[in-house]
Amino acid sequence: MTSILNFTIFFAFSPNNPNDTGSTFINLLMPLLLIVVFYFFLIRPQQKKQKEREKTLDSLKKGDKVVTIGGLHGKVVGINPEKKTVMIDAGDVKLTFDRSAIATIEGVADGKSETAEKLESAS
C-alpha cells in the first residue's frame, strides 16, 4: 500500500511537465506551511512564556522568598526599578542581582503560603 502511495505522489506532480500547475502550487505551499508550523509550535509558546516571566518578575515585591539561577535562597529586601535590580537578604549578607537572575519565587514572607512559581530562565 505504501509503495503505491509513494509512486502516486512521486509521479503526480512531475517537474518535467510544463503544463502542470499543481507542482508550482505545492512548491509555494510547503515553505509557507513550514513557517506556520514553526510559528505555532515554537515561536508563539516561547513568546507566551516570556510574557508570563516578565509579568511575574514585575509583580516581585519586598518580602518574597526567591531562588536565583545560581541557587542562592533569600528574601527580597529591595527593588530598583530603574536599574532592574533586586537586593536579596541571604542570612547576614545582602546581595544585589539583576531581576532576570531570579529563577523561582517560593512564596511571600507574610505567612501566606503561595504555590511555588517556576520561571523559565530564558532571557
C-alpha atoms as a PDB file:
ATOM      1  CA  MET A   1       0.000   0.000   0.000  1.00  0.00           C
ATOM      2  CA  THR A   2       2.775   2.455   0.881  1.00  0.00           C
ATOM      3  CA  SER A   3       4.706   1.772  -2.295  1.00  0.00           C
ATOM      4  CA  ILE A   4       1.611   2.555  -4.379  1.00  0.00           C
ATOM      5  CA  LEU A   5       1.087   5.782  -2.414  1.00  0.00           C
ATOM      6  CA  ASN A   6       4.736   6.808  -2.817  1.00  0.00           C
ATOM      7  CA  PHE A   7       4.584   6.009  -6.549  1.00  0.00           C
ATOM      8  CA  THR A   8       1.424   8.097  -6.933  1.00  0.00           C
ATOM      9  CA  ILE A   9       2.832  11.079  -5.036  1.00  0.00           C
ATOM     10  CA  PHE A  10       6.159  10.891  -6.872  1.00  0.00           C
ATOM     11  CA  PHE A  11       4.637  10.908 -10.340  1.00  0.00           C
ATOM     12  CA  ALA A  12       1.554  13.022  -9.614  1.00  0.00           C
ATOM     13  CA  PHE A  13       3.380  16.309  -9.941  1.00  0.00           C
ATOM     14  CA  SER A  14       6.226  15.807 -12.312  1.00  0.00           C
ATOM     15  CA  PRO A  15       8.617  18.801 -12.636  1.00  0.00           C
ATOM     16  CA  ASN A  16       9.216  17.832 -16.272  1.00  0.00           C
ATOM     17  CA  ASN A  17       5.625  18.594 -17.274  1.00  0.00           C
ATOM     18  CA  PRO A  18       5.347  22.336 -18.091  1.00  0.00           C
ATOM     19  CA  ASN A  19       1.547  22.215 -18.123  1.00  0.00           C
ATOM     20  CA  ASP A  20       1.406  21.009 -14.524  1.00  0.00           C
ATOM     21  CA  THR A  21       0.440  23.989 -12.330  1.00  0.00           C
ATOM     22  CA  GLY A  22      -0.014  21.792  -9.252  1.00  0.00           C
ATOM     23  CA  SER A  23       3.721  21.416  -8.680  1.00  0.00           C
ATOM     24  CA  THR A  24       4.184  25.201  -8.565  1.00  0.00           C
ATOM     25  CA  PHE A  25       1.403  25.487  -6.030  1.00  0.00           C
ATOM     26  CA  ILE A  26       2.905  22.684  -3.898  1.00  0.00           C
ATOM     27  CA  ASN A  27       6.364  24.249  -4.128  1.00  0.00           C
ATOM     28  CA  LEU A  28       4.998  27.544  -2.821  1.00  0.00           C
ATOM     29  CA  LEU A  29       2.728  25.965  -0.229  1.00  0.00           C
ATOM     30  CA  MET A  30       5.318  23.787   1.522  1.00  0.00           C
ATOM     31  CA  PRO A  31       7.633  26.589   2.786  1.00  0.00           C
ATOM     32  CA  LEU A  32       4.598  28.599   3.865  1.00  0.00           C
ATOM     33  CA  LEU A  33       3.221  25.602   5.732  1.00  0.00           C
ATOM     34  CA  LEU A  34       6.610  25.061   7.369  1.00  0.00           C
ATOM     35  CA  ILE A  35       6.718  28.684   8.572  1.00  0.00           C
ATOM     36  CA  VAL A  36       3.191  28.409  10.018  1.00  0.00           C
ATOM     37  CA  VAL A  37       4.072  25.190  11.852  1.00  0.00           C
ATOM     38  CA  PHE A  38       7.250  26.736  13.291  1.00  0.00           C
ATOM     39  CA  TYR A  39       5.306  29.783  14.434  1.00  0.00           C
ATOM     40  CA  PHE A  40       2.552  27.876  16.226  1.00  0.00           C
ATOM     41  CA  PHE A  41       4.731  25.162  17.771  1.00  0.00           C
ATOM     42  CA  LEU A  42       7.958  27.019  18.573  1.00  0.00           C
ATOM     43  CA  ILE A  43       7.774  30.807  18.425  1.00  0.00           C
ATOM     44  CA  ARG A  44       4.318  31.515  19.871  1.00  0.00           C
ATOM     45  CA  PRO A  45       4.665  29.312  23.001  1.00  0.00           C
ATOM     46  CA  GLN A  46       8.088  30.838  23.701  1.00  0.00           C
ATOM     47  CA  GLN A  47       6.623  34.349  23.447  1.00  0.00           C
ATOM     48  CA  LYS A  48       3.844  33.386  25.887  1.00  0.00           C
ATOM     49  CA  LYS A  49       6.381  32.015  28.385  1.00  0.00           C
ATOM     50  CA  GLN A  50       8.473  35.168  28.086  1.00  0.00           C
ATOM     51  CA  LYS A  51       5.421  37.392  28.728  1.00  0.00           C
ATOM     52  CA  GLU A  52       4.477  35.283  31.778  1.00  0.00           C
ATOM     53  CA  ARG A  53       8.021  35.540  33.103  1.00  0.00           C
ATOM     54  CA  GLU A  54       8.083  39.322  32.672  1.00  0.00           C
ATOM     55  CA  LYS A  55       4.681  39.634  34.333  1.00  0.00           C
ATOM     56  CA  THR A  56       5.829  37.545  37.303  1.00  0.00           C
ATOM     57  CA  LEU A  57       9.094  39.454  37.652  1.00  0.00           C
ATOM     58  CA  ASP A  58       7.174  42.742  37.511  1.00  0.00           C
ATOM     59  CA  SER A  59       4.990  41.547  40.395  1.00  0.00           C
ATOM     60  CA  LEU A  60       8.061  40.819  42.560  1.00  0.00           C
ATOM     61  CA  LYS A  61       7.894  42.743  45.840  1.00  0.00           C
ATOM     62  CA  LYS A  62       9.643  43.073  49.169  1.00  0.00           C
ATOM     63  CA  GLY A  63       9.306  40.034  51.394  1.00  0.00           C
ATOM     64  CA  ASP A  64       9.081  37.452  48.592  1.00  0.00           C
ATOM     65  CA  LYS A  65      11.280  34.416  49.069  1.00  0.00           C
ATOM     66  CA  VAL A  66      13.232  33.741  45.905  1.00  0.00           C
ATOM     67  CA  VAL A  67      15.838  31.413  44.454  1.00  0.00           C
ATOM     68  CA  THR A  68      18.338  32.788  41.937  1.00  0.00           C
ATOM     69  CA  ILE A  69      19.572  30.944  38.877  1.00  0.00           C
ATOM     70  CA  GLY A  70      22.799  30.341  40.809  1.00  0.00           C
ATOM     71  CA  GLY A  71      20.901  28.558  43.584  1.00  0.00           C
ATOM     72  CA  LEU A  72      21.023  31.298  46.236  1.00  0.00           C
ATOM     73  CA  HIS A  73      17.957  31.280  48.507  1.00  0.00           C
ATOM     74  CA  GLY A  74      16.950  34.553  50.073  1.00  0.00           C
ATOM     75  CA  LYS A  75      14.318  37.170  50.769  1.00  0.00           C
ATOM     76  CA  VAL A  76      13.784  40.294  48.665  1.00  0.00           C
ATOM     77  CA  VAL A  77      14.590  43.409  50.723  1.00  0.00           C
ATOM     78  CA  GLY A  78      14.761  45.989  47.952  1.00  0.00           C
ATOM     79  CA  ILE A  79      13.921  46.541  44.293  1.00  0.00           C
ATOM     80  CA  ASN A  80      15.385  49.178  41.991  1.00  0.00           C
ATOM     81  CA  PRO A  81      13.000  49.598  39.000  1.00  0.00           C
ATOM     82  CA  GLU A  82      15.338  51.907  37.038  1.00  0.00           C
ATOM     83  CA  LYS A  83      18.293  49.512  37.041  1.00  0.00           C
ATOM     84  CA  LYS A  84      16.044  46.421  37.167  1.00  0.00           C
ATOM     85  CA  THR A  85      17.954  45.021  40.125  1.00  0.00           C
ATOM     86  CA  VAL A  86      16.834  43.189  43.253  1.00  0.00           C
ATOM     87  CA  MET A  87      18.527  43.211  46.661  1.00  0.00           C
ATOM     88  CA  ILE A  88      18.329  39.838  48.405  1.00  0.00           C
ATOM     89  CA  ASP A  89      18.996  39.108  52.072  1.00  0.00           C
ATOM     90  CA  ALA A  90      20.692  35.716  52.383  1.00  0.00           C
ATOM     91  CA  GLY A  91      21.304  35.438  56.100  1.00  0.00           C
ATOM     92  CA  ASP A  92      23.886  38.008  57.167  1.00  0.00           C
ATOM     93  CA  VAL A  93      24.677  39.094  53.628  1.00  0.00           C
ATOM     94  CA  LYS A  94      22.735  41.407  51.322  1.00  0.00           C
ATOM     95  CA  LEU A  95      23.431  40.914  47.645  1.00  0.00           C
ATOM     96  CA  THR A  96      22.222  42.765  44.568  1.00  0.00           C
ATOM     97  CA  PHE A  97      21.181  40.786  41.490  1.00  0.00           C
ATOM     98  CA  ASP A  98      19.681  41.600  38.137  1.00  0.00           C
ATOM     99  CA  ARG A  99      15.967  40.965  38.148  1.00  0.00           C
ATOM    100  CA  SER A 100      16.431  38.399  35.372  1.00  0.00           C
ATOM    101  CA  ALA A 101      18.599  36.297  37.735  1.00  0.00           C
ATOM    102  CA  ILE A 102      15.509  35.282  39.739  1.00  0.00           C
ATOM    103  CA  ALA A 103      14.638  31.681  38.834  1.00  0.00           C
ATOM    104  CA  THR A 104      11.842  30.851  41.280  1.00  0.00           C
ATOM    105  CA  ILE A 105       9.526  32.714  43.620  1.00  0.00           C
ATOM    106  CA  GLU A 106       8.872  30.425  46.591  1.00  0.00           C
ATOM    107  CA  GLY A 107       6.273  32.471  48.401  1.00  0.00           C
ATOM    108  CA  VAL A 108       5.557  35.547  50.484  1.00  0.00           C
ATOM    109  CA  ALA A 109       7.070  36.159  53.912  1.00  0.00           C
ATOM    110  CA  ASP A 110       3.689  37.298  55.334  1.00  0.00           C
ATOM    111  CA  GLY A 111       2.888  33.738  56.300  1.00  0.00           C
ATOM    112  CA  LYS A 112       0.538  33.341  53.367  1.00  0.00           C
ATOM    113  CA  SER A 113       1.852  30.303  51.579  1.00  0.00           C
ATOM    114  CA  GLU A 114       1.758  30.575  47.813  1.00  0.00           C
ATOM    115  CA  THR A 115       2.430  27.751  45.443  1.00  0.00           C
ATOM    116  CA  ALA A 116       5.938  27.864  44.032  1.00  0.00           C
ATOM    117  CA  GLU A 117       6.059  29.624  40.697  1.00  0.00           C
ATOM    118  CA  LYS A 118       8.616  28.199  38.354  1.00  0.00           C
ATOM    119  CA  LEU A 119      10.055  30.681  35.908  1.00  0.00           C
ATOM    120  CA  GLU A 120      11.901  29.855  32.731  1.00  0.00           C
ATOM    121  CA  SER A 121      15.432  31.161  32.941  1.00  0.00           C
ATOM    122  CA  ALA A 122      15.484  32.051  29.243  1.00  0.00           C
ATOM    123  CA  SER A 123      16.086  35.737  28.912  1.00  0.00           C
END
